[in-house]
N, C-alpha and C. Protein backbone atom coordinates (compact mmCIF):
# COMPACT_ATOMS: atom_id res chain seq x y z
N MET A 1 -18.88 -78.24 -36.92
CA MET A 1 -17.56 -78.06 -37.48
C MET A 1 -16.82 -77.02 -36.63
N THR A 2 -15.60 -77.31 -36.27
CA THR A 2 -14.83 -76.38 -35.45
C THR A 2 -14.08 -75.40 -36.32
N ASN A 3 -13.48 -74.42 -35.69
CA ASN A 3 -12.72 -73.39 -36.41
C ASN A 3 -11.56 -74.00 -37.18
N VAL A 4 -10.92 -75.02 -36.61
CA VAL A 4 -9.79 -75.67 -37.27
C VAL A 4 -10.26 -76.35 -38.54
N ASP A 5 -11.42 -76.98 -38.51
CA ASP A 5 -11.95 -77.64 -39.70
C ASP A 5 -12.23 -76.63 -40.80
N VAL A 6 -12.69 -75.46 -40.44
CA VAL A 6 -13.00 -74.43 -41.44
C VAL A 6 -11.73 -73.97 -42.14
N ASN A 7 -10.65 -73.81 -41.40
CA ASN A 7 -9.40 -73.37 -42.00
C ASN A 7 -8.87 -74.36 -43.03
N TYR A 8 -9.02 -75.64 -42.76
CA TYR A 8 -8.48 -76.65 -43.66
C TYR A 8 -9.46 -77.03 -44.77
N ALA A 9 -10.71 -76.65 -44.62
CA ALA A 9 -11.72 -77.06 -45.58
C ALA A 9 -11.46 -76.49 -46.97
N MET A 10 -10.83 -75.34 -47.05
CA MET A 10 -10.60 -74.73 -48.34
C MET A 10 -9.68 -75.60 -49.19
N PHE A 11 -8.67 -76.16 -48.59
CA PHE A 11 -7.74 -76.99 -49.34
C PHE A 11 -8.05 -78.47 -49.19
N ASN A 12 -9.07 -78.80 -48.39
CA ASN A 12 -9.48 -80.16 -48.15
C ASN A 12 -8.32 -81.00 -47.61
N LEU A 13 -7.56 -80.44 -46.68
CA LEU A 13 -6.42 -81.12 -46.09
C LEU A 13 -6.72 -81.48 -44.65
N GLY A 14 -6.36 -82.68 -44.27
CA GLY A 14 -6.49 -83.09 -42.89
C GLY A 14 -5.16 -82.91 -42.18
N THR A 15 -5.16 -83.27 -40.91
CA THR A 15 -3.95 -83.13 -40.10
C THR A 15 -2.83 -84.02 -40.63
N GLY A 16 -3.18 -85.23 -41.03
CA GLY A 16 -2.17 -86.16 -41.55
C GLY A 16 -1.48 -85.63 -42.79
N GLU A 17 -2.26 -85.05 -43.69
CA GLU A 17 -1.67 -84.49 -44.92
C GLU A 17 -0.77 -83.31 -44.61
N LEU A 18 -1.19 -82.47 -43.67
CA LEU A 18 -0.37 -81.31 -43.31
C LEU A 18 0.95 -81.74 -42.68
N VAL A 19 0.92 -82.76 -41.83
CA VAL A 19 2.14 -83.28 -41.22
C VAL A 19 3.05 -83.85 -42.29
N LEU A 20 2.50 -84.58 -43.24
CA LEU A 20 3.29 -85.15 -44.33
C LEU A 20 3.93 -84.05 -45.17
N ILE A 21 3.18 -83.02 -45.49
CA ILE A 21 3.73 -81.91 -46.27
C ILE A 21 4.86 -81.24 -45.51
N PHE A 22 4.66 -81.01 -44.21
CA PHE A 22 5.71 -80.39 -43.40
C PHE A 22 6.96 -81.25 -43.37
N LEU A 23 6.81 -82.57 -43.24
CA LEU A 23 7.97 -83.46 -43.21
C LEU A 23 8.72 -83.45 -44.55
N VAL A 24 8.01 -83.40 -45.65
CA VAL A 24 8.66 -83.34 -46.96
C VAL A 24 9.44 -82.04 -47.10
N ILE A 25 8.84 -80.93 -46.67
CA ILE A 25 9.55 -79.65 -46.72
C ILE A 25 10.79 -79.69 -45.84
N LEU A 26 10.65 -80.29 -44.66
CA LEU A 26 11.78 -80.41 -43.74
C LEU A 26 12.90 -81.23 -44.36
N LEU A 27 12.56 -82.32 -45.03
CA LEU A 27 13.57 -83.15 -45.68
C LEU A 27 14.24 -82.43 -46.85
N LEU A 28 13.45 -81.69 -47.62
CA LEU A 28 14.00 -81.01 -48.79
C LEU A 28 14.94 -79.86 -48.41
N PHE A 29 14.55 -79.06 -47.42
CA PHE A 29 15.31 -77.86 -47.12
C PHE A 29 16.17 -77.97 -45.87
N GLY A 30 15.87 -78.87 -44.98
CA GLY A 30 16.64 -79.01 -43.76
C GLY A 30 16.17 -78.07 -42.68
N ALA A 31 16.48 -78.42 -41.45
CA ALA A 31 16.00 -77.65 -40.30
C ALA A 31 16.65 -76.27 -40.23
N LYS A 32 17.87 -76.13 -40.71
CA LYS A 32 18.56 -74.84 -40.62
C LYS A 32 17.99 -73.82 -41.60
N ARG A 33 17.49 -74.27 -42.74
CA ARG A 33 16.99 -73.34 -43.76
C ARG A 33 15.54 -72.94 -43.56
N LEU A 34 14.77 -73.70 -42.77
CA LEU A 34 13.35 -73.39 -42.60
C LEU A 34 13.10 -72.00 -42.03
N PRO A 35 13.83 -71.56 -40.99
CA PRO A 35 13.59 -70.19 -40.51
C PRO A 35 13.88 -69.13 -41.58
N GLU A 36 14.92 -69.36 -42.37
CA GLU A 36 15.23 -68.42 -43.46
C GLU A 36 14.10 -68.36 -44.47
N LEU A 37 13.58 -69.53 -44.83
CA LEU A 37 12.48 -69.58 -45.79
C LEU A 37 11.24 -68.90 -45.24
N ALA A 38 10.96 -69.13 -43.97
CA ALA A 38 9.78 -68.51 -43.35
C ALA A 38 9.93 -66.99 -43.31
N ARG A 39 11.13 -66.51 -42.96
CA ARG A 39 11.37 -65.06 -42.94
C ARG A 39 11.19 -64.47 -44.33
N GLY A 40 11.76 -65.13 -45.32
CA GLY A 40 11.64 -64.65 -46.69
C GLY A 40 10.20 -64.63 -47.16
N LEU A 41 9.46 -65.66 -46.81
CA LEU A 41 8.05 -65.73 -47.18
C LEU A 41 7.27 -64.61 -46.49
N GLY A 42 7.56 -64.37 -45.23
CA GLY A 42 6.89 -63.30 -44.49
C GLY A 42 7.18 -61.93 -45.09
N LYS A 43 8.44 -61.69 -45.44
CA LYS A 43 8.80 -60.41 -46.05
C LYS A 43 8.11 -60.24 -47.40
N GLY A 44 8.06 -61.31 -48.17
CA GLY A 44 7.39 -61.24 -49.47
C GLY A 44 5.91 -60.94 -49.34
N ILE A 45 5.26 -61.56 -48.36
CA ILE A 45 3.84 -61.31 -48.14
C ILE A 45 3.62 -59.87 -47.71
N ASN A 46 4.47 -59.38 -46.81
CA ASN A 46 4.34 -57.99 -46.35
C ASN A 46 4.55 -57.00 -47.50
N GLU A 47 5.53 -57.24 -48.35
CA GLU A 47 5.76 -56.37 -49.50
C GLU A 47 4.57 -56.38 -50.44
N PHE A 48 3.99 -57.55 -50.64
CA PHE A 48 2.82 -57.67 -51.51
C PHE A 48 1.65 -56.89 -50.93
N LYS A 49 1.42 -57.03 -49.62
CA LYS A 49 0.33 -56.28 -48.97
C LYS A 49 0.56 -54.78 -49.10
N ASP A 50 1.79 -54.33 -48.88
CA ASP A 50 2.10 -52.91 -49.00
C ASP A 50 1.84 -52.41 -50.42
N ALA A 51 2.22 -53.21 -51.41
CA ALA A 51 2.01 -52.82 -52.81
C ALA A 51 0.51 -52.73 -53.11
N VAL A 52 -0.26 -53.68 -52.61
CA VAL A 52 -1.71 -53.65 -52.83
C VAL A 52 -2.32 -52.43 -52.16
N ASP A 53 -1.92 -52.15 -50.91
CA ASP A 53 -2.45 -50.98 -50.21
C ASP A 53 -2.10 -49.69 -50.93
N THR A 54 -0.87 -49.59 -51.41
CA THR A 54 -0.44 -48.40 -52.14
C THR A 54 -1.25 -48.24 -53.42
N SER A 55 -1.47 -49.34 -54.13
CA SER A 55 -2.25 -49.28 -55.36
C SER A 55 -3.68 -48.86 -55.07
N LYS A 56 -4.27 -49.42 -54.02
CA LYS A 56 -5.64 -49.04 -53.65
C LYS A 56 -5.71 -47.54 -53.35
N LYS A 57 -4.74 -47.05 -52.60
CA LYS A 57 -4.73 -45.63 -52.22
C LYS A 57 -4.61 -44.75 -53.47
N GLU A 58 -3.74 -45.14 -54.40
CA GLU A 58 -3.58 -44.36 -55.63
C GLU A 58 -4.86 -44.35 -56.45
N ILE A 59 -5.53 -45.50 -56.51
CA ILE A 59 -6.78 -45.58 -57.28
C ILE A 59 -7.85 -44.71 -56.64
N LEU A 60 -7.96 -44.78 -55.31
CA LEU A 60 -8.96 -43.97 -54.62
C LEU A 60 -8.66 -42.48 -54.76
N ASP A 61 -7.38 -42.11 -54.68
CA ASP A 61 -7.01 -40.71 -54.86
C ASP A 61 -7.35 -40.21 -56.26
N ALA A 62 -7.08 -41.05 -57.26
CA ALA A 62 -7.39 -40.67 -58.64
C ALA A 62 -8.90 -40.55 -58.83
N LYS A 63 -9.64 -41.44 -58.20
CA LYS A 63 -11.10 -41.38 -58.30
C LYS A 63 -11.63 -40.10 -57.66
N GLU A 64 -11.10 -39.77 -56.47
CA GLU A 64 -11.55 -38.56 -55.79
C GLU A 64 -11.18 -37.31 -56.57
N SER A 65 -9.99 -37.28 -57.16
CA SER A 65 -9.59 -36.10 -57.92
C SER A 65 -10.39 -35.98 -59.22
N ALA A 66 -10.84 -37.10 -59.76
CA ALA A 66 -11.66 -37.05 -60.97
C ALA A 66 -13.08 -36.62 -60.64
N GLU A 67 -13.57 -36.96 -59.44
CA GLU A 67 -14.93 -36.60 -59.06
C GLU A 67 -15.04 -35.15 -58.57
N ALA A 68 -13.95 -34.59 -58.08
CA ALA A 68 -13.98 -33.23 -57.53
C ALA A 68 -14.44 -32.19 -58.56
N PRO A 69 -13.93 -32.16 -59.78
CA PRO A 69 -14.42 -31.17 -60.76
C PRO A 69 -15.90 -31.36 -61.10
N LEU A 70 -16.36 -32.60 -61.10
CA LEU A 70 -17.77 -32.84 -61.40
C LEU A 70 -18.66 -32.28 -60.30
N GLU A 71 -18.24 -32.43 -59.05
CA GLU A 71 -19.03 -31.89 -57.93
C GLU A 71 -19.07 -30.37 -57.98
N LYS A 72 -17.93 -29.72 -58.32
CA LYS A 72 -17.91 -28.26 -58.44
C LYS A 72 -18.84 -27.80 -59.55
N LYS A 73 -18.84 -28.52 -60.65
CA LYS A 73 -19.68 -28.15 -61.79
C LYS A 73 -21.15 -28.27 -61.41
N GLU A 74 -21.51 -29.30 -60.70
CA GLU A 74 -22.90 -29.49 -60.27
C GLU A 74 -23.33 -28.38 -59.30
N GLU A 75 -22.42 -27.97 -58.42
CA GLU A 75 -22.73 -26.91 -57.46
C GLU A 75 -22.93 -25.57 -58.19
N GLU A 76 -22.13 -25.32 -59.21
CA GLU A 76 -22.24 -24.07 -59.96
C GLU A 76 -23.53 -24.01 -60.75
N GLU A 77 -24.01 -25.15 -61.23
CA GLU A 77 -25.22 -25.20 -62.02
C GLU A 77 -26.47 -25.01 -61.16
N SER A 78 -26.39 -25.34 -59.87
CA SER A 78 -27.58 -25.24 -59.03
C SER A 78 -27.82 -23.87 -58.51
């Protein structure tokens, strides 16, 4: 199995199906709107990634700040 087959295996789509989907999107939105849609989709994905990264950082910071007093307490007891 090649790398290309692995990418499509998740959705079980072949090349023919992908071409058909692309043609339907092209007919629905037109050639002039496709770059706009792609830009909007890219911006949305980037904003989502940034939000996830920010949330992860906040969670890790909260975890570290919650663990810090416990470590001090353990050091004082020893």
